[in-house]
Amino acid sequence: MKSWVSVTVILAIVLGCHAVASADPIIVTHDFRITSVAPFILADKTRDIQSRASDVLVSTVTTPPPDGLQGAATSILTSSFVDPFHWTAQGRGSVTLNKLNASPESGSYSSAGAGFGVVFDVTQPVTYAFAGEGTGSVSLAAPMVQFSSGLASSFGGLLRIVTPGEELLDDETIFDNVFSFEMSGLPFQIPNPGSASDAIHPSFAGLLVPGQYWLFWATSADVALQGSGLGSGEALGRFAFTLDFAPVAPTPTPELPSLLLFGTGLAGVSWRVRPFRAPNPNRRR
């Protein structure tokens, strides 16, 4: 009887391990996607898209012409992780600002940004392939403005959460960098009239062991015009990426018929061994 109990335990352990290995290897736990424009309107938005193929977030504002200042700040984020093995996102923040009169009170500042952030659990080893593009451009035409500034930024990365803090991603959280990137010279800024642009093309591939991870990419654009002169400014920050996962094939486990055959063999060996008794040297012949 003990041999059959042993066979049952072996089968339970092997089949149980197989059940764990077949669970979802990627599980999204926190969604931090956001769009914002400021200072006219702060319009932060997040949405859960696990049941849809795409998600578009748009915030647009335009200052009224009577103030002697015109402009618009627009932020757009389109992203998807409805397919757990194929994630995509495109983010864009753009600002245009025009100072139309010589009143110093008409100066202003505007900003737009978009960010994609997801915290996810890896339950079994997976390979990943990340490919993206980030761009930034700034143009200022404000020689008579006392202060003018344009800025564009784009940066991101993948971190492993080694020790979570009391609240996720707080100052007590410890991270292990898997990969990271940013536009050179971040913050990419020109404080004087002129124009400039930059771009990044991050590409990474590797293996993720079981654990918790945080993927993020953020972009922003800022323009400031202040003073008694006329002028204008434009800034643009943009990113796009794809991230593909592939589960690592687990070590092959015996099929159920093979396990049953193995168990039957164990039982047969046990049946043959149990009746065997060593000779008693004190037994009379």
C-alpha atoms as a PDB file:
ATOM      1  CA  MET A   1       0.000   0.000   0.000  1.00  0.00           C
ATOM      2  CA  LYS A   2       2.816   2.415   0.840  1.00  0.00           C
ATOM      3  CA  SER A   3       4.221   2.108  -2.674  1.00  0.00           C
ATOM      4  CA  TRP A   4       0.901   3.209  -4.222  1.00  0.00           C
ATOM      5  CA  VAL A   5       0.792   6.183  -1.836  1.00  0.00           C
ATOM      6  CA  SER A   6       4.286   7.152  -2.995  1.00  0.00           C
ATOM      7  CA  VAL A   7       3.247   6.909  -6.640  1.00  0.00           C
ATOM      8  CA  THR A   8       0.211   9.109  -5.943  1.00  0.00           C
ATOM      9  CA  VAL A   9       2.399  11.737  -4.257  1.00  0.00           C
ATOM     10  CA  ILE A  10       4.872  11.723  -7.169  1.00  0.00           C
ATOM     11  CA  LEU A  11       2.037  12.153  -9.677  1.00  0.00           C
ATOM     12  CA  ALA A  12       0.523  14.991  -7.635  1.00  0.00           C
ATOM     13  CA  ILE A  13       3.844  16.843  -7.414  1.00  0.00           C
ATOM     14  CA  VAL A  14       4.637  16.521 -11.127  1.00  0.00           C
ATOM     15  CA  LEU A  15       1.129  17.410 -12.306  1.00  0.00           C
ATOM     16  CA  GLY A  16       0.955  20.236  -9.770  1.00  0.00           C
ATOM     17  CA  CYS A  17       4.222  21.726 -11.064  1.00  0.00           C
ATOM     18  CA  HIS A  18       2.875  21.519 -14.604  1.00  0.00           C
ATOM     19  CA  ALA A  19      -0.274  23.423 -13.563  1.00  0.00           C
ATOM     20  CA  VAL A  20       1.802  26.233 -12.040  1.00  0.00           C
ATOM     21  CA  ALA A  21       4.013  26.499 -15.118  1.00  0.00           C
ATOM     22  CA  SER A  22       0.973  26.905 -17.380  1.00  0.00           C
ATOM     23  CA  ALA A  23      -0.323  29.994 -15.491  1.00  0.00           C
ATOM     24  CA  ASP A  24      -0.204  33.436 -17.112  1.00  0.00           C
ATOM     25  CA  PRO A  25       3.477  34.445 -17.274  1.00  0.00           C
ATOM     26  CA  ILE A  26       2.664  38.222 -17.459  1.00  0.00           C
ATOM     27  CA  ILE A  27       0.161  39.806 -15.056  1.00  0.00           C
ATOM     28  CA  VAL A  28      -0.427  43.591 -15.065  1.00  0.00           C
ATOM     29  CA  THR A  29      -0.980  44.894 -11.520  1.00  0.00           C
ATOM     30  CA  HIS A  30      -0.816  48.727 -11.807  1.00  0.00           C
ATOM     31  CA  ASP A  31      -1.578  51.151 -14.642  1.00  0.00           C
ATOM     32  CA  PHE A  32      -0.033  54.650 -14.568  1.00  0.00           C
ATOM     33  CA  ARG A  33      -0.800  55.979 -18.081  1.00  0.00           C
ATOM     34  CA  ILE A  34      -1.384  59.727 -18.080  1.00  0.00           C
ATOM     35  CA  THR A  35      -1.782  62.863 -20.205  1.00  0.00           C
ATOM     36  CA  SER A  36      -1.524  66.442 -18.923  1.00  0.00           C
ATOM     37  CA  VAL A  37      -1.449  70.055 -20.081  1.00  0.00           C
ATOM     38  CA  ALA A  38      -0.611  73.070 -17.921  1.00  0.00           C
ATOM     39  CA  PRO A  39      -0.942  75.707 -16.589  1.00  0.00           C
ATOM     40  CA  PHE A  40      -4.234  76.454 -18.341  1.00  0.00           C
ATOM     41  CA  ILE A  41      -5.776  73.098 -17.484  1.00  0.00           C
ATOM     42  CA  LEU A  42      -4.371  70.127 -15.641  1.00  0.00           C
ATOM     43  CA  ALA A  43      -6.119  67.184 -17.224  1.00  0.00           C
ATOM     44  CA  ASP A  44      -4.558  64.001 -15.936  1.00  0.00           C
ATOM     45  CA  LYS A  45      -6.276  60.848 -17.117  1.00  0.00           C
ATOM     46  CA  THR A  46      -5.737  57.136 -16.708  1.00  0.00           C
ATOM     47  CA  ARG A  47      -7.760  54.247 -18.086  1.00  0.00           C
ATOM     48  CA  ASP A  48      -7.671  50.495 -17.819  1.00  0.00           C
ATOM     49  CA  ILE A  49      -7.700  48.914 -21.285  1.00  0.00           C
ATOM     50  CA  GLN A  50      -7.332  45.237 -20.478  1.00  0.00           C
ATOM     51  CA  SER A  51     -10.673  44.550 -22.180  1.00  0.00           C
ATOM     52  CA  ARG A  52     -10.070  46.792 -25.237  1.00  0.00           C
ATOM     53  CA  ALA A  53      -7.575  46.905 -28.067  1.00  0.00           C
ATOM     54  CA  SER A  54      -6.618  50.592 -27.737  1.00  0.00           C
ATOM     55  CA  ASP A  55      -6.971  53.634 -25.535  1.00  0.00           C
ATOM     56  CA  VAL A  56      -6.696  57.272 -26.691  1.00  0.00           C
ATOM     57  CA  LEU A  57      -6.374  60.118 -24.195  1.00  0.00           C
ATOM     58  CA  VAL A  58      -6.499  63.697 -25.491  1.00  0.00           C
ATOM     59  CA  SER A  59      -6.227  67.044 -23.699  1.00  0.00           C
ATOM     60  CA  THR A  60      -6.281  70.257 -25.727  1.00  0.00           C
ATOM     61  CA  VAL A  61      -6.462  73.917 -24.631  1.00  0.00           C
ATOM     62  CA  THR A  62      -6.193  77.271 -26.413  1.00  0.00           C
ATOM     63  CA  THR A  63      -5.811  80.643 -24.705  1.00  0.00           C
ATOM     64  CA  PRO A  64      -8.319  83.349 -25.685  1.00  0.00           C
ATOM     65  CA  PRO A  65      -7.039  85.960 -28.188  1.00  0.00           C
ATOM     66  CA  PRO A  66      -8.025  89.084 -26.161  1.00  0.00           C
ATOM     67  CA  ASP A  67      -5.170  88.533 -23.732  1.00  0.00           C
ATOM     68  CA  GLY A  68      -2.612  89.281 -26.419  1.00  0.00           C
ATOM     69  CA  LEU A  69      -1.353  85.702 -26.124  1.00  0.00           C
ATOM     70  CA  GLN A  70      -2.325  82.749 -28.248  1.00  0.00           C
ATOM     71  CA  GLY A  71      -1.270  79.173 -27.956  1.00  0.00           C
ATOM     72  CA  ALA A  72      -2.204  75.577 -27.560  1.00  0.00           C
ATOM     73  CA  ALA A  73      -0.942  72.648 -25.560  1.00  0.00           C
ATOM     74  CA  THR A  74      -1.882  69.155 -26.678  1.00  0.00           C
ATOM     75  CA  SER A  75      -1.141  65.781 -25.151  1.00  0.00           C
ATOM     76  CA  ILE A  76      -2.047  62.435 -26.729  1.00  0.00           C
ATOM     77  CA  LEU A  77      -1.412  58.883 -25.585  1.00  0.00           C
ATOM     78  CA  THR A  78      -2.412  55.752 -27.483  1.00  0.00           C
ATOM     79  CA  SER A  79      -1.456  52.461 -25.893  1.00  0.00           C
ATOM     80  CA  SER A  80      -2.405  48.820 -25.612  1.00  0.00           C
ATOM     81  CA  PHE A  81      -1.510  45.770 -23.586  1.00  0.00           C
ATOM     82  CA  VAL A  82      -4.680  43.816 -24.286  1.00  0.00           C
ATOM     83  CA  ASP A  83      -2.353  41.151 -25.725  1.00  0.00           C
ATOM     84  CA  PRO A  84      -0.147  40.153 -22.762  1.00  0.00           C
ATOM     85  CA  PHE A  85       2.718  39.239 -25.122  1.00  0.00           C
ATOM     86  CA  HIS A  86       2.632  42.357 -27.343  1.00  0.00           C
ATOM     87  CA  TRP A  87       2.526  45.884 -25.864  1.00  0.00           C
ATOM     88  CA  THR A  88       2.475  49.140 -27.829  1.00  0.00           C
ATOM     89  CA  ALA A  89       2.320  52.841 -26.966  1.00  0.00           C
ATOM     90  CA  GLN A  90       2.611  56.217 -28.683  1.00  0.00           C
ATOM     91  CA  GLY A  91       2.816  59.441 -26.676  1.00  0.00           C
ATOM     92  CA  ARG A  92       3.042  63.058 -27.757  1.00  0.00           C
ATOM     93  CA  GLY A  93       3.215  66.429 -26.022  1.00  0.00           C
ATOM     94  CA  SER A  94       3.287  69.632 -28.069  1.00  0.00           C
ATOM     95  CA  VAL A  95       3.136  73.347 -27.236  1.00  0.00           C
ATOM     96  CA  THR A  96       2.843  76.480 -29.386  1.00  0.00           C
ATOM     97  CA  LEU A  97       2.913  79.907 -27.738  1.00  0.00           C
ATOM     98  CA  ASN A  98       2.680  83.351 -29.377  1.00  0.00           C
ATOM     99  CA  LYS A  99       3.118  86.690 -27.623  1.00  0.00           C
ATOM    100  CA  LEU A 100       1.179  89.231 -29.675  1.00  0.00           C
ATOM    101  CA  ASN A 101       1.647  92.501 -27.798  1.00  0.00           C
ATOM    102  CA  ALA A 102       4.299  94.383 -25.845  1.00  0.00           C
ATOM    103  CA  SER A 103       2.646  94.072 -22.444  1.00  0.00           C
ATOM    104  CA  PRO A 104       4.910  92.292 -19.938  1.00  0.00           C
ATOM    105  CA  GLU A 105       1.815  90.957 -18.157  1.00  0.00           C
ATOM    106  CA  SER A 106       0.934  88.883 -21.214  1.00  0.00           C
ATOM    107  CA  GLY A 107       3.884  86.526 -20.831  1.00  0.00           C
ATOM    108  CA  SER A 108       3.074  82.938 -19.971  1.00  0.00           C
ATOM    109  CA  TYR A 109       4.266  79.387 -19.723  1.00  0.00           C
ATOM    110  CA  SER A 110       2.723  76.218 -21.157  1.00  0.00           C
ATOM    111  CA  SER A 111       3.528  72.534 -20.909  1.00  0.00           C
ATOM    112  CA  ALA A 112       2.197  69.252 -22.282  1.00  0.00           C
ATOM    113  CA  GLY A 113       3.243  65.730 -21.457  1.00  0.00           C
ATOM    114  CA  ALA A 114       2.310  62.082 -21.860  1.00  0.00           C
ATOM    115  CA  GLY A 115       3.489  59.045 -19.961  1.00  0.00           C
ATOM    116  CA  PHE A 116       3.065  55.284 -20.097  1.00  0.00           C
ATOM    117  CA  GLY A 117       3.717  53.254 -16.960  1.00  0.00           C
ATOM    118  CA  VAL A 118       2.796  49.675 -16.084  1.00  0.00           C
ATOM    119  CA  VAL A 119       3.796  47.531 -13.115  1.00  0.00           C
ATOM    120  CA  PHE A 120       3.582  43.827 -13.887  1.00  0.00           C
ATOM    121  CA  ASP A 121       4.433  40.457 -12.399  1.00  0.00           C
ATOM    122  CA  VAL A 122       6.456  37.803 -14.219  1.00  0.00           C
ATOM    123  CA  THR A 123       5.447  34.373 -12.920  1.00  0.00           C
ATOM    124  CA  GLN A 124       7.796  32.295 -15.065  1.00  0.00           C
ATOM    125  CA  PRO A 125      10.880  33.168 -17.174  1.00  0.00           C
ATOM    126  CA  VAL A 126      10.117  35.136 -20.344  1.00  0.00           C
ATOM    127  CA  THR A 127      12.254  36.673 -23.041  1.00  0.00           C
ATOM    128  CA  TYR A 128      11.603  40.268 -24.103  1.00  0.00           C
ATOM    129  CA  ALA A 129      12.351  42.418 -27.155  1.00  0.00           C
ATOM    130  CA  PHE A 130      11.940  46.181 -26.781  1.00  0.00           C
ATOM    131  CA  ALA A 131      12.200  48.647 -29.686  1.00  0.00           C
ATOM    132  CA  GLY A 132      11.302  52.332 -29.572  1.00  0.00           C
ATOM    133  CA  GLU A 133      11.870  55.827 -30.853  1.00  0.00           C
ATOM    134  CA  GLY A 134      11.836  59.158 -29.045  1.00  0.00           C
ATOM    135  CA  THR A 135      12.123  62.607 -30.622  1.00  0.00           C
ATOM    136  CA  GLY A 136      12.258  66.153 -29.369  1.00  0.00           C
ATOM    137  CA  SER A 137      12.398  69.563 -31.036  1.00  0.00           C
ATOM    138  CA  VAL A 138      12.378  73.160 -29.823  1.00  0.00           C
ATOM    139  CA  SER A 139      12.111  76.423 -31.755  1.00  0.00           C
ATOM    140  CA  LEU A 140      12.144  79.938 -30.273  1.00  0.00           C
ATOM    141  CA  ALA A 141      11.714  83.248 -32.117  1.00  0.00           C
ATOM    142  CA  ALA A 142      11.653  85.757 -29.305  1.00  0.00           C
ATOM    143  CA  PRO A 143      14.608  88.192 -29.526  1.00  0.00           C
ATOM    144  CA  MET A 144      12.672  90.968 -27.779  1.00  0.00           C
ATOM    145  CA  VAL A 145      11.354  88.860 -24.897  1.00  0.00           C
ATOM    146  CA  GLN A 146      13.260  89.260 -21.644  1.00  0.00           C
ATOM    147  CA  PHE A 147      12.992  85.564 -20.837  1.00  0.00           C
ATOM    148  CA  SER A 148      12.281  82.749 -23.280  1.00  0.00           C
ATOM    149  CA  SER A 149      12.795  79.038 -22.867  1.00  0.00           C
ATOM    150  CA  GLY A 150      11.895  75.869 -24.713  1.00  0.00           C
ATOM    151  CA  LEU A 151      12.365  72.308 -23.526  1.00  0.00           C
ATOM    152  CA  ALA A 152      11.671  68.807 -24.878  1.00  0.00           C
ATOM    153  CA  SER A 153      12.401  65.573 -23.065  1.00  0.00           C
ATOM    154  CA  SER A 154      11.919  61.862 -23.565  1.00  0.00           C
ATOM    155  CA  PHE A 155      13.115  59.089 -21.257  1.00  0.00           C
ATOM    156  CA  GLY A 156      12.135  55.678 -19.931  1.00  0.00           C
ATOM    157  CA  GLY A 157      13.252  52.226 -18.921  1.00  0.00           C
ATOM    158  CA  LEU A 158      12.467  48.917 -17.277  1.00  0.00           C
ATOM    159  CA  LEU A 159      13.153  48.373 -13.585  1.00  0.00           C
ATOM    160  CA  ARG A 160      12.863  45.294 -11.417  1.00  0.00           C
ATOM    161  CA  ILE A 161      11.195  46.065  -8.082  1.00  0.00           C
ATOM    162  CA  VAL A 162      13.511  44.370  -5.607  1.00  0.00           C
ATOM    163  CA  THR A 163      12.042  45.643  -2.331  1.00  0.00           C
ATOM    164  CA  PRO A 164       8.625  47.359  -2.499  1.00  0.00           C
ATOM    165  CA  GLY A 165       8.086  50.254  -0.087  1.00  0.00           C
ATOM    166  CA  GLU A 166       5.043  50.759   2.112  1.00  0.00           C
ATOM    167  CA  GLU A 167       3.350  52.189  -0.963  1.00  0.00           C
ATOM    168  CA  LEU A 168       4.271  51.005  -4.430  1.00  0.00           C
ATOM    169  CA  LEU A 169       6.991  53.130  -6.085  1.00  0.00           C
ATOM    170  CA  ASP A 170       7.537  55.365  -3.043  1.00  0.00           C
ATOM    171  CA  ASP A 171      10.918  56.577  -1.772  1.00  0.00           C
ATOM    172  CA  GLU A 172      11.496  53.336   0.142  1.00  0.00           C
ATOM    173  CA  THR A 173      11.213  51.162  -2.953  1.00  0.00           C
ATOM    174  CA  ILE A 174      14.476  49.585  -4.170  1.00  0.00           C
ATOM    175  CA  PHE A 175      14.923  49.048  -7.912  1.00  0.00           C
ATOM    176  CA  ASP A 176      17.296  47.030 -10.057  1.00  0.00           C
ATOM    177  CA  ASN A 177      17.791  48.599 -13.493  1.00  0.00           C
ATOM    178  CA  VAL A 178      17.115  46.233 -16.396  1.00  0.00           C
ATOM    179  CA  PHE A 179      17.550  48.944 -19.048  1.00  0.00           C
ATOM    180  CA  SER A 180      17.076  52.712 -19.300  1.00  0.00           C
ATOM    181  CA  PHE A 181      17.442  55.511 -21.854  1.00  0.00           C
ATOM    182  CA  GLU A 182      17.004  59.261 -22.343  1.00  0.00           C
ATOM    183  CA  MET A 183      17.589  61.906 -24.968  1.00  0.00           C
ATOM    184  CA  SER A 184      21.133  63.226 -24.763  1.00  0.00           C
ATOM    185  CA  GLY A 185      21.493  66.392 -22.752  1.00  0.00           C
ATOM    186  CA  LEU A 186      18.265  65.850 -20.789  1.00  0.00           C
ATOM    187  CA  PRO A 187      16.672  68.224 -20.155  1.00  0.00           C
ATOM    188  CA  PHE A 188      16.983  69.113 -23.826  1.00  0.00           C
ATOM    189  CA  GLN A 189      16.574  72.884 -23.575  1.00  0.00           C
ATOM    190  CA  ILE A 190      17.401  76.105 -25.444  1.00  0.00           C
ATOM    191  CA  PRO A 191      16.963  79.249 -23.300  1.00  0.00           C
ATOM    192  CA  ASN A 192      17.694  81.638 -26.199  1.00  0.00           C
ATOM    193  CA  PRO A 193      16.223  82.183 -29.681  1.00  0.00           C
ATOM    194  CA  GLY A 194      17.062  79.365 -32.064  1.00  0.00           C
ATOM    195  CA  SER A 195      16.082  75.785 -32.793  1.00  0.00           C
ATOM    196  CA  ALA A 196      17.352  72.300 -32.095  1.00  0.00           C
ATOM    197  CA  SER A 197      16.244  68.675 -32.241  1.00  0.00           C
ATOM    198  CA  ASP A 198      17.290  65.279 -30.971  1.00  0.00           C
ATOM    199  CA  ALA A 199      16.243  61.629 -31.194  1.00  0.00           C
ATOM    200  CA  ILE A 200      16.814  58.284 -29.490  1.00  0.00           C
ATOM    201  CA  HIS A 201      16.230  54.748 -30.763  1.00  0.00           C
ATOM    202  CA  PRO A 202      16.404  52.393 -27.775  1.00  0.00           C
ATOM    203  CA  SER A 203      16.491  48.667 -28.484  1.00  0.00           C
ATOM    204  CA  PHE A 204      16.925  45.978 -25.845  1.00  0.00           C
ATOM    205  CA  ALA A 205      16.401  42.227 -25.580  1.00  0.00           C
ATOM    206  CA  GLY A 206      16.973  39.679 -22.844  1.00  0.00           C
ATOM    207  CA  LEU A 207      15.453  37.407 -20.226  1.00  0.00           C
ATOM    208  CA  LEU A 208      13.199  38.341 -17.289  1.00  0.00           C
ATOM    209  CA  VAL A 209      13.213  36.021 -14.303  1.00  0.00           C
ATOM    210  CA  PRO A 210      10.105  35.771 -12.079  1.00  0.00           C
ATOM    211  CA  GLY A 211       9.511  38.955 -10.092  1.00  0.00           C
ATOM    212  CA  GLN A 212       7.817  42.364 -10.270  1.00  0.00           C
ATOM    213  CA  TYR A 213       8.775  44.986 -12.868  1.00  0.00           C
ATOM    214  CA  TRP A 214       7.972  48.592 -13.817  1.00  0.00           C
ATOM    215  CA  LEU A 215       8.056  49.697 -17.469  1.00  0.00           C
ATOM    216  CA  PHE A 216       7.762  53.422 -18.199  1.00  0.00           C
ATOM    217  CA  TRP A 217       8.303  56.053 -20.882  1.00  0.00           C
ATOM    218  CA  ALA A 218       7.494  59.753 -20.514  1.00  0.00           C
ATOM    219  CA  THR A 219       7.758  62.721 -22.840  1.00  0.00           C
ATOM    220  CA  SER A 220       7.083  66.423 -22.353  1.00  0.00           C
ATOM    221  CA  ALA A 221       7.294  69.791 -24.097  1.00  0.00           C
ATOM    222  CA  ASP A 222       7.559  73.225 -22.451  1.00  0.00           C
ATOM    223  CA  VAL A 223       7.628  76.817 -23.710  1.00  0.00           C
ATOM    224  CA  ALA A 224       7.953  80.004 -21.615  1.00  0.00           C
ATOM    225  CA  LEU A 225       7.741  83.603 -22.858  1.00  0.00           C
ATOM    226  CA  GLN A 226       7.961  86.499 -20.422  1.00  0.00           C
ATOM    227  CA  GLY A 227       8.771  90.201 -20.923  1.00  0.00           C
ATOM    228  CA  SER A 228       7.717  93.287 -22.860  1.00  0.00           C
ATOM    229  CA  GLY A 229       8.693  92.126 -26.363  1.00  0.00           C
ATOM    230  CA  LEU A 230       6.942  90.010 -28.988  1.00  0.00           C
ATOM    231  CA  GLY A 231       7.860  86.448 -29.754  1.00  0.00           C
ATOM    232  CA  SER A 232       6.804  82.846 -30.227  1.00  0.00           C
ATOM    233  CA  GLY A 233       7.941  79.372 -29.321  1.00  0.00           C
ATOM    234  CA  GLU A 234       7.219  75.749 -30.167  1.00  0.00           C
ATOM    235  CA  ALA A 235       8.224  72.491 -28.515  1.00  0.00           C
ATOM    236  CA  LEU A 236       7.469  68.860 -29.250  1.00  0.00           C
ATOM    237  CA  GLY A 237       8.231  65.630 -27.420  1.00  0.00           C
ATOM    238  CA  ARG A 238       7.203  62.242 -28.809  1.00  0.00           C
ATOM    239  CA  PHE A 239       7.754  58.518 -28.207  1.00  0.00           C
ATOM    240  CA  ALA A 240       6.610  55.186 -29.618  1.00  0.00           C
ATOM    241  CA  PHE A 241       7.585  51.635 -28.715  1.00  0.00           C
ATOM    242  CA  THR A 242       6.733  47.961 -28.992  1.00  0.00           C
ATOM    243  CA  LEU A 243       7.500  45.327 -26.367  1.00  0.00           C
ATOM    244  CA  ASP A 244       7.147  41.637 -27.126  1.00  0.00           C
ATOM    245  CA  PHE A 245       7.329  38.795 -24.620  1.00  0.00           C
ATOM    246  CA  ALA A 246       7.804  35.069 -25.216  1.00  0.00           C
ATOM    247  CA  PRO A 247       7.586  32.436 -22.460  1.00  0.00           C
ATOM    248  CA  VAL A 248      10.653  30.280 -22.033  1.00  0.00           C
ATOM    249  CA  ALA A 249       9.795  26.658 -22.742  1.00  0.00           C
ATOM    250  CA  PRO A 250       9.759  24.753 -19.420  1.00  0.00           C
ATOM    251  CA  THR A 251      11.730  21.563 -18.904  1.00  0.00           C
ATOM    252  CA  PRO A 252       9.716  18.769 -20.538  1.00  0.00           C
ATOM    253  CA  THR A 253       7.707  16.714 -18.065  1.00  0.00           C
ATOM    254  CA  PRO A 254       6.629  13.120 -18.669  1.00  0.00           C
ATOM    255  CA  GLU A 255       3.232  12.695 -20.266  1.00  0.00           C
ATOM    256  CA  LEU A 256       0.445  11.218 -18.133  1.00  0.00           C
ATOM    257  CA  PRO A 257       0.595   7.749 -19.783  1.00  0.00           C
ATOM    258  CA  SER A 258       4.342   7.638 -19.109  1.00  0.00           C
ATOM    259  CA  LEU A 259       3.750   8.661 -15.496  1.00  0.00           C
ATOM    260  CA  LEU A 260       1.141   5.957 -15.058  1.00  0.00           C
ATOM    261  CA  LEU A 261       3.495   3.392 -16.605  1.00  0.00           C
ATOM    262  CA  PHE A 262       6.263   4.631 -14.291  1.00  0.00           C
ATOM    263  CA  GLY A 263       3.924   4.339 -11.308  1.00  0.00           C
ATOM    264  CA  THR A 264       2.887   0.837 -12.304  1.00  0.00           C
ATOM    265  CA  GLY A 265       6.552  -0.115 -12.552  1.00  0.00           C
ATOM    266  CA  LEU A 266       7.194   1.239  -9.053  1.00  0.00           C
ATOM    267  CA  ALA A 267       4.261  -0.723  -7.744  1.00  0.00           C
ATOM    268  CA  GLY A 268       5.550  -3.914  -9.411  1.00  0.00           C
ATOM    269  CA  VAL A 269       9.003  -3.441  -7.947  1.00  0.00           C
ATOM    270  CA  SER A 270       7.483  -2.865  -4.519  1.00  0.00           C
ATOM    271  CA  TRP A 271       5.304  -5.974  -4.862  1.00  0.00           C
ATOM    272  CA  ARG A 272       8.350  -8.070  -5.755  1.00  0.00           C
ATOM    273  CA  VAL A 273      10.475  -6.649  -2.975  1.00  0.00           C
ATOM    274  CA  ARG A 274       8.002  -6.835  -0.105  1.00  0.00           C
ATOM    275  CA  PRO A 275       7.618 -10.701   0.010  1.00  0.00           C
ATOM    276  CA  PHE A 276      11.409 -11.190   0.053  1.00  0.00           C
ATOM    277  CA  ARG A 277      12.847 -12.164   3.448  1.00  0.00           C
ATOM    278  CA  ALA A 278      16.505 -12.701   4.300  1.00  0.00           C
ATOM    279  CA  PRO A 279      17.399 -16.287   5.410  1.00  0.00           C
ATOM    280  CA  ASN A 280      17.419 -16.896   9.155  1.00  0.00           C
ATOM    281  CA  PRO A 281      20.752 -18.578  10.067  1.00  0.00           C
ATOM    282  CA  ASN A 282      19.220 -19.956  13.323  1.00  0.00           C
ATOM    283  CA  ARG A 283      16.440 -21.757  11.494  1.00  0.00           C
ATOM    284  CA  ARG A 284      16.767 -25.512  11.637  1.00  0.00           C
ATOM    285  CA  ARG A 285      17.148 -27.180   8.300  1.00  0.00           C
END
